[in-house]
PDB file of N, CA and C in Angstrom:
ATOM      1  N   UNK A   1      18.005 188.257 319.419  1.00  0.00           N
ATOM      2  CA  UNK A   1      18.176 187.661 320.735  1.00  0.00           C
ATOM      3  C   UNK A   1      16.844 187.047 321.166  1.00  0.00           C
ATOM      4  N   UNK A   2      16.919 185.835 321.641  1.00  0.00           N
ATOM      5  CA  UNK A   2      15.734 185.130 322.132  1.00  0.00           C
ATOM      6  C   UNK A   2      15.846 185.021 323.651  1.00  0.00           C
ATOM      7  N   UNK A   3      14.721 185.148 324.328  1.00  0.00           N
ATOM      8  CA  UNK A   3      14.694 185.055 325.794  1.00  0.00           C
ATOM      9  C   UNK A   3      13.877 183.834 326.187  1.00  0.00           C
ATOM     10  N   UNK A   4      14.445 183.014 327.057  1.00  0.00           N
ATOM     11  CA  UNK A   4      13.765 181.830 327.569  1.00  0.00           C
ATOM     12  C   UNK A   4      13.467 182.035 329.048  1.00  0.00           C
ATOM     13  N   UNK A   5      12.304 181.607 329.491  1.00  0.00           N
ATOM     14  CA  UNK A   5      11.929 181.684 330.899  1.00  0.00           C
ATOM     15  C   UNK A   5      12.410 180.429 331.612  1.00  0.00           C
ATOM     16  N   UNK A   6      13.066 180.619 332.742  1.00  0.00           N
ATOM     17  CA  UNK A   6      13.576 179.490 333.517  1.00  0.00           C
ATOM     18  C   UNK A   6      12.883 179.440 334.871  1.00  0.00           C
ATOM     19  N   UNK A   7      12.689 178.240 335.360  1.00  0.00           N
ATOM     20  CA  UNK A   7      12.162 178.009 336.703  1.00  0.00           C
ATOM     21  C   UNK A   7      13.369 177.714 337.591  1.00  0.00           C
ATOM     22  N   UNK A   8      13.460 178.412 338.720  1.00  0.00           N
ATOM     23  CA  UNK A   8      14.582 178.232 339.635  1.00  0.00           C
ATOM     24  C   UNK A   8      14.043 177.762 340.980  1.00  0.00           C
ATOM     25  N   UNK A   9      14.655 176.716 341.500  1.00  0.00           N
ATOM     26  CA  UNK A   9      14.300 176.184 342.817  1.00  0.00           C
ATOM     27  C   UNK A   9      15.590 176.035 343.622  1.00  0.00           C
ATOM     28  N   UNK A  10      15.460 175.946 344.938  1.00  0.00           N
ATOM     29  CA  UNK A  10      16.625 175.666 345.765  1.00  0.00           C
ATOM     30  C   UNK A  10      16.509 174.244 346.303  1.00  0.00           C
ATOM     31  N   UNK A  11      17.549 173.460 346.090  1.00  0.00           N
ATOM     32  CA  UNK A  11      17.575 172.080 346.546  1.00  0.00           C
ATOM     33  C   UNK A  11      17.773 172.053 348.066  1.00  0.00           C
ATOM     34  N   UNK A  12      16.853 171.431 348.818  1.00  0.00           N
ATOM     35  CA  UNK A  12      16.992 171.422 350.277  1.00  0.00           C
ATOM     36  C   UNK A  12      18.171 170.582 350.768  1.00  0.00           C
ATOM     37  N   UNK A  13      18.609 169.594 349.990  1.00  0.00           N
ATOM     38  CA  UNK A  13      19.732 168.761 350.411  1.00  0.00           C
ATOM     39  C   UNK A  13      21.083 169.456 350.213  1.00  0.00           C
ATOM     40  N   UNK A  14      21.249 170.152 349.077  1.00  0.00           N
ATOM     41  CA  UNK A  14      22.546 170.753 348.753  1.00  0.00           C
ATOM     42  C   UNK A  14      22.594 172.256 348.968  1.00  0.00           C
ATOM     43  N   UNK A  15      21.423 172.902 348.997  1.00  0.00           N
ATOM     44  CA  UNK A  15      21.377 174.360 349.091  1.00  0.00           C
ATOM     45  C   UNK A  15      21.647 175.048 347.761  1.00  0.00           C
ATOM     46  N   UNK A  16      21.874 174.268 346.707  1.00  0.00           N
ATOM     47  CA  UNK A  16      22.152 174.857 345.394  1.00  0.00           C
ATOM     48  C   UNK A  16      20.863 175.310 344.715  1.00  0.00           C
ATOM     49  N   UNK A  17      20.983 176.324 343.874  1.00  0.00           N
ATOM     50  CA  UNK A  17      19.878 176.734 343.024  1.00  0.00           C
ATOM     51  C   UNK A  17      19.882 175.824 341.800  1.00  0.00           C
ATOM     52  N   UNK A  18      18.718 175.313 341.441  1.00  0.00           N
ATOM     53  CA  UNK A  18      18.570 174.426 340.290  1.00  0.00           C
ATOM     54  C   UNK A  18      17.587 175.097 339.335  1.00  0.00           C
ATOM     55  N   UNK A  19      17.992 175.237 338.090  1.00  0.00           N
ATOM     56  CA  UNK A  19      17.140 175.905 337.119  1.00  0.00           C
ATOM     57  C   UNK A  19      16.911 175.056 335.894  1.00  0.00           C
ATOM     58  N   UNK A  20      15.729 175.214 335.304  1.00  0.00           N
ATOM     59  CA  UNK A  20      15.423 174.519 334.052  1.00  0.00           C
ATOM     60  C   UNK A  20      14.474 175.375 333.235  1.00  0.00           C
ATOM     61  N   UNK A  21      14.525 175.170 331.926  1.00  0.00           N
ATOM     62  CA  UNK A  21      13.626 175.861 331.012  1.00  0.00           C
ATOM     63  C   UNK A  21      12.517 174.880 330.667  1.00  0.00           C
ATOM     64  N   UNK A  22      11.279 175.161 331.098  1.00  0.00           N
ATOM     65  CA  UNK A  22      10.175 174.236 330.825  1.00  0.00           C
ATOM     66  C   UNK A  22      10.015 173.961 329.331  1.00  0.00           C
ATOM     67  N   UNK A  23       9.905 172.681 329.017  1.00  0.00           N
ATOM     68  CA  UNK A  23       9.666 172.287 327.641  1.00  0.00           C
ATOM     69  C   UNK A  23      10.889 172.228 326.752  1.00  0.00           C
ATOM     70  N   UNK A  24      12.068 172.625 327.264  1.00  0.00           N
ATOM     71  CA  UNK A  24      13.292 172.661 326.467  1.00  0.00           C
ATOM     72  C   UNK A  24      14.177 171.513 326.944  1.00  0.00           C
ATOM     73  N   UNK A  25      14.153 170.377 326.243  1.00  0.00           N
ATOM     74  CA  UNK A  25      14.902 169.206 326.689  1.00  0.00           C
ATOM     75  C   UNK A  25      16.393 169.508 326.869  1.00  0.00           C
ATOM     76  N   UNK A  26      16.924 169.146 328.018  1.00  0.00           N
ATOM     77  CA  UNK A  26      18.342 169.330 328.309  1.00  0.00           C
ATOM     78  C   UNK A  26      18.717 170.682 328.864  1.00  0.00           C
ATOM     79  N   UNK A  27      17.792 171.624 328.876  1.00  0.00           N
ATOM     80  CA  UNK A  27      18.101 172.976 329.351  1.00  0.00           C
ATOM     81  C   UNK A  27      17.902 173.060 330.867  1.00  0.00           C
ATOM     82  N   UNK A  28      18.908 172.583 331.584  1.00  0.00           N
ATOM     83  CA  UNK A  28      18.868 172.634 333.044  1.00  0.00           C
ATOM     84  C   UNK A  28      20.287 172.762 333.566  1.00  0.00           C
ATOM     85  N   UNK A  29      20.425 173.380 334.741  1.00  0.00           N
ATOM     86  CA  UNK A  29      21.738 173.547 335.350  1.00  0.00           C
ATOM     87  C   UNK A  29      21.549 173.906 336.812  1.00  0.00           C
ATOM     88  N   UNK A  30      22.661 174.141 337.504  1.00  0.00           N
ATOM     89  CA  UNK A  30      22.604 174.522 338.909  1.00  0.00           C
ATOM     90  C   UNK A  30      23.725 175.499 339.212  1.00  0.00           C
ATOM     91  N   UNK A  31      23.659 176.117 340.389  1.00  0.00           N
ATOM     92  CA  UNK A  31      24.700 177.032 340.818  1.00  0.00           C
ATOM     93  C   UNK A  31      24.527 177.410 342.271  1.00  0.00           C
ATOM     94  N   UNK A  32      25.588 177.942 342.857  1.00  0.00           N
ATOM     95  CA  UNK A  32      25.544 178.341 344.262  1.00  0.00           C
ATOM     96  C   UNK A  32      24.809 179.655 344.470  1.00  0.00           C
ATOM     97  N   UNK A  33      24.727 180.489 343.422  1.00  0.00           N
ATOM     98  CA  UNK A  33      24.020 181.773 343.493  1.00  0.00           C
ATOM     99  C   UNK A  33      23.062 181.873 342.314  1.00  0.00           C
ATOM    100  N   UNK A  34      22.132 182.828 342.395  1.00  0.00           N
ATOM    101  CA  UNK A  34      21.223 183.048 341.262  1.00  0.00           C
ATOM    102  C   UNK A  34      21.989 183.492 340.025  1.00  0.00           C
ATOM    103  N   UNK A  35      23.005 184.324 340.210  1.00  0.00           N
ATOM    104  CA  UNK A  35      23.818 184.752 339.070  1.00  0.00           C
ATOM    105  C   UNK A  35      24.532 183.569 338.425  1.00  0.00           C
ATOM    106  N   UNK A  36      25.046 182.657 339.266  1.00  0.00           N
ATOM    107  CA  UNK A  36      25.762 181.497 338.734  1.00  0.00           C
ATOM    108  C   UNK A  36      24.827 180.568 337.962  1.00  0.00           C
ATOM    109  N   UNK A  37      23.638 180.302 338.510  1.00  0.00           N
ATOM    110  CA  UNK A  37      22.713 179.418 337.789  1.00  0.00           C
ATOM    111  C   UNK A  37      22.261 180.079 336.486  1.00  0.00           C
ATOM    112  N   UNK A  38      22.089 181.398 336.487  1.00  0.00           N
ATOM    113  CA  UNK A  38      21.721 182.107 335.258  1.00  0.00           C
ATOM    114  C   UNK A  38      22.830 181.985 334.223  1.00  0.00           C
ATOM    115  N   UNK A  39      24.062 182.193 334.641  1.00  0.00           N
ATOM    116  CA  UNK A  39      25.214 182.072 333.732  1.00  0.00           C
ATOM    117  C   UNK A  39      25.317 180.646 333.192  1.00  0.00           C
ATOM    118  N   UNK A  40      25.142 179.661 334.071  1.00  0.00           N
ATOM    119  CA  UNK A  40      25.231 178.262 333.653  1.00  0.00           C
ATOM    120  C   UNK A  40      24.113 177.898 332.680  1.00  0.00           C
ATOM    121  N   UNK A  41      22.897 178.392 332.946  1.00  0.00           N
ATOM    122  CA  UNK A  41      21.793 178.145 332.018  1.00  0.00           C
ATOM    123  C   UNK A  41      22.074 178.777 330.656  1.00  0.00           C
ATOM    124  N   UNK A  42      22.627 179.981 330.676  1.00  0.00           N
ATOM    125  CA  UNK A  42      22.991 180.660 329.425  1.00  0.00           C
ATOM    126  C   UNK A  42      23.943 179.790 328.620  1.00  0.00           C
ATOM    127  N   UNK A  43      24.969 179.257 329.282  1.00  0.00           N
ATOM    128  CA  UNK A  43      25.946 178.420 328.591  1.00  0.00           C
ATOM    129  C   UNK A  43      25.305 177.153 328.033  1.00  0.00           C
ATOM    130  N   UNK A  44      24.436 176.511 328.813  1.00  0.00           N
ATOM    131  CA  UNK A  44      23.779 175.278 328.369  1.00  0.00           C
ATOM    132  C   UNK A  44      22.867 175.561 327.177  1.00  0.00           C
ATOM    133  N   UNK A  45      22.079 176.616 327.262  1.00  0.00           N
ATOM    134  CA  UNK A  45      21.165 176.953 326.166  1.00  0.00           C
ATOM    135  C   UNK A  45      21.953 177.282 324.901  1.00  0.00           C
ATOM    136  N   UNK A  46      23.027 178.049 325.043  1.00  0.00           N
ATOM    137  CA  UNK A  46      23.869 178.377 323.890  1.00  0.00           C
ATOM    138  C   UNK A  46      24.391 177.108 323.234  1.00  0.00           C
ATOM    139  N   UNK A  47      24.855 176.160 324.048  1.00  0.00           N
ATOM    140  CA  UNK A  47      25.367 174.896 323.531  1.00  0.00           C
ATOM    141  C   UNK A  47      24.258 174.105 322.813  1.00  0.00           C
ATOM    142  N   UNK A  48      23.072 174.038 323.437  1.00  0.00           N
ATOM    143  CA  UNK A  48      21.960 173.299 322.836  1.00  0.00           C
ATOM    144  C   UNK A  48      21.515 173.930 321.513  1.00  0.00           C
ATOM    145  N   UNK A  49      21.574 175.255 321.413  1.00  0.00           N
ATOM    146  CA  UNK A  49      21.147 175.938 320.197  1.00  0.00           C
ATOM    147  C   UNK A  49      22.110 175.721 319.031  1.00  0.00           C
ATOM    148  N   UNK A  50      23.325 175.235 319.324  1.00  0.00           N
ATOM    149  CA  UNK A  50      24.270 174.929 318.246  1.00  0.00           C
ATOM    150  C   UNK A  50      23.727 173.816 317.346  1.00  0.00           C
ATOM    151  N   UNK A  51      22.834 172.993 317.901  1.00  0.00           N
ATOM    152  CA  UNK A  51      22.204 171.919 317.123  1.00  0.00           C
ATOM    153  C   UNK A  51      20.961 172.395 316.391  1.00  0.00           C
ATOM    154  N   UNK A  52      20.636 173.676 316.497  1.00  0.00           N
ATOM    155  CA  UNK A  52      19.465 174.233 315.834  1.00  0.00           C
ATOM    156  C   UNK A  52      18.402 174.639 316.835  1.00  0.00           C
ATOM    157  N   UNK A  53      17.413 175.338 316.349  1.00  0.00           N
ATOM    158  CA  UNK A  53      16.310 175.815 317.184  1.00  0.00           C
ATOM    159  C   UNK A  53      15.518 174.618 317.712  1.00  0.00           C
ATOM    160  N   UNK A  54      15.258 174.582 319.027  1.00  0.00           N
ATOM    161  CA  UNK A  54      14.557 173.422 319.586  1.00  0.00           C
ATOM    162  C   UNK A  54      13.066 173.441 319.269  1.00  0.00           C
ATOM    163  N   UNK A  55      12.489 172.253 319.267  1.00  0.00           N
ATOM    164  CA  UNK A  55      11.041 172.130 319.227  1.00  0.00           C
ATOM    165  C   UNK A  55      10.626 171.989 320.685  1.00  0.00           C
ATOM    166  N   UNK A  56      10.047 173.052 321.230  1.00  0.00           N
ATOM    167  CA  UNK A  56       9.688 173.044 322.640  1.00  0.00           C
ATOM    168  C   UNK A  56       8.536 172.075 322.893  1.00  0.00           C
ATOM    169  N   UNK A  57       8.674 171.315 323.968  1.00  0.00           N
ATOM    170  CA  UNK A  57       7.658 170.317 324.316  1.00  0.00           C
ATOM    171  C   UNK A  57       6.463 170.928 325.028  1.00  0.00           C
ATOM    172  N   UNK A  58       6.630 172.128 325.557  1.00  0.00           N
ATOM    173  CA  UNK A  58       5.535 172.849 326.206  1.00  0.00           C
ATOM    174  C   UNK A  58       5.875 174.329 326.197  1.00  0.00           C
ATOM    175  N   UNK A  59       4.920 175.151 326.553  1.00  0.00           N
ATOM    176  CA  UNK A  59       5.102 176.607 326.592  1.00  0.00           C
ATOM    177  C   UNK A  59       4.978 177.081 328.032  1.00  0.00           C
ATOM    178  N   UNK A  60       6.012 177.794 328.518  1.00  0.00           N
ATOM    179  CA  UNK A  60       5.949 178.361 329.858  1.00  0.00           C
ATOM    180  C   UNK A  60       4.935 179.490 329.870  1.00  0.00           C
ATOM    181  N   UNK A  61       3.995 179.424 330.797  1.00  0.00           N
ATOM    182  CA  UNK A  61       2.932 180.428 330.886  1.00  0.00           C
ATOM    183  C   UNK A  61       3.184 181.369 332.055  1.00  0.00           C
ATOM    184  N   UNK A  62       3.580 180.844 333.184  1.00  0.00           N
ATOM    185  CA  UNK A  62       3.834 181.687 334.344  1.00  0.00           C
ATOM    186  C   UNK A  62       3.635 180.911 335.628  1.00  0.00           C
ATOM    187  N   UNK A  63       3.622 181.643 336.712  1.00  0.00           N
ATOM    188  CA  UNK A  63       3.384 181.032 338.028  1.00  0.00           C
ATOM    189  C   UNK A  63       2.179 181.701 338.657  1.00  0.00           C
ATOM    190  N   UNK A  64       1.536 180.982 339.543  1.00  0.00           N
ATOM    191  CA  UNK A  64       0.391 181.522 340.262  1.00  0.00           C
ATOM    192  C   UNK A  64       0.505 181.130 341.729  1.00  0.00           C
ATOM    193  N   UNK A  65       0.011 181.999 342.590  1.00  0.00           N
ATOM    194  CA  UNK A  65      -0.087 181.674 344.000  1.00  0.00           C
ATOM    195  C   UNK A  65      -1.449 181.026 344.236  1.00  0.00           C
ATOM    196  N   UNK A  66      -1.444 179.963 345.003  1.00  0.00           N
ATOM    197  CA  UNK A  66      -2.689 179.254 345.317  1.00  0.00           C
ATOM    198  C   UNK A  66      -2.862 179.275 346.833  1.00  0.00           C
ATOM    199  N   UNK A  67      -3.907 179.942 347.302  1.00  0.00           N
ATOM    200  CA  UNK A  67      -4.175 180.043 348.734  1.00  0.00           C
ATOM    201  C   UNK A  67      -4.997 178.847 349.207  1.00  0.00           C
ATOM    202  N   UNK A  68      -4.523 178.209 350.256  1.00  0.00           N
ATOM    203  CA  UNK A  68      -5.223 177.060 350.819  1.00  0.00           C
ATOM    204  C   UNK A  68      -5.424 177.316 352.295  1.00  0.00           C
ATOM    205  N   UNK A  69      -6.687 177.223 352.737  1.00  0.00           N
ATOM    206  CA  UNK A  69      -6.988 177.501 354.148  1.00  0.00           C
ATOM    207  C   UNK A  69      -6.792 176.275 355.001  1.00  0.00           C
TER     208      UNK A  69
END
């Protein structure tokens, strides 16, 4: 089993959660709940992997908080 890190944002216009896997072309989806976007991402990634293991364009490292005064 392989685990991919996804970035999830909420669209201010639609209120939907939008998720994507950094560096993984085509690995993006949306949903009304976090569970739904996770399920949708799972389905998209599974479909993309049917074409073989992807060559990732970048490596997800993490997130950081940046304090600005």
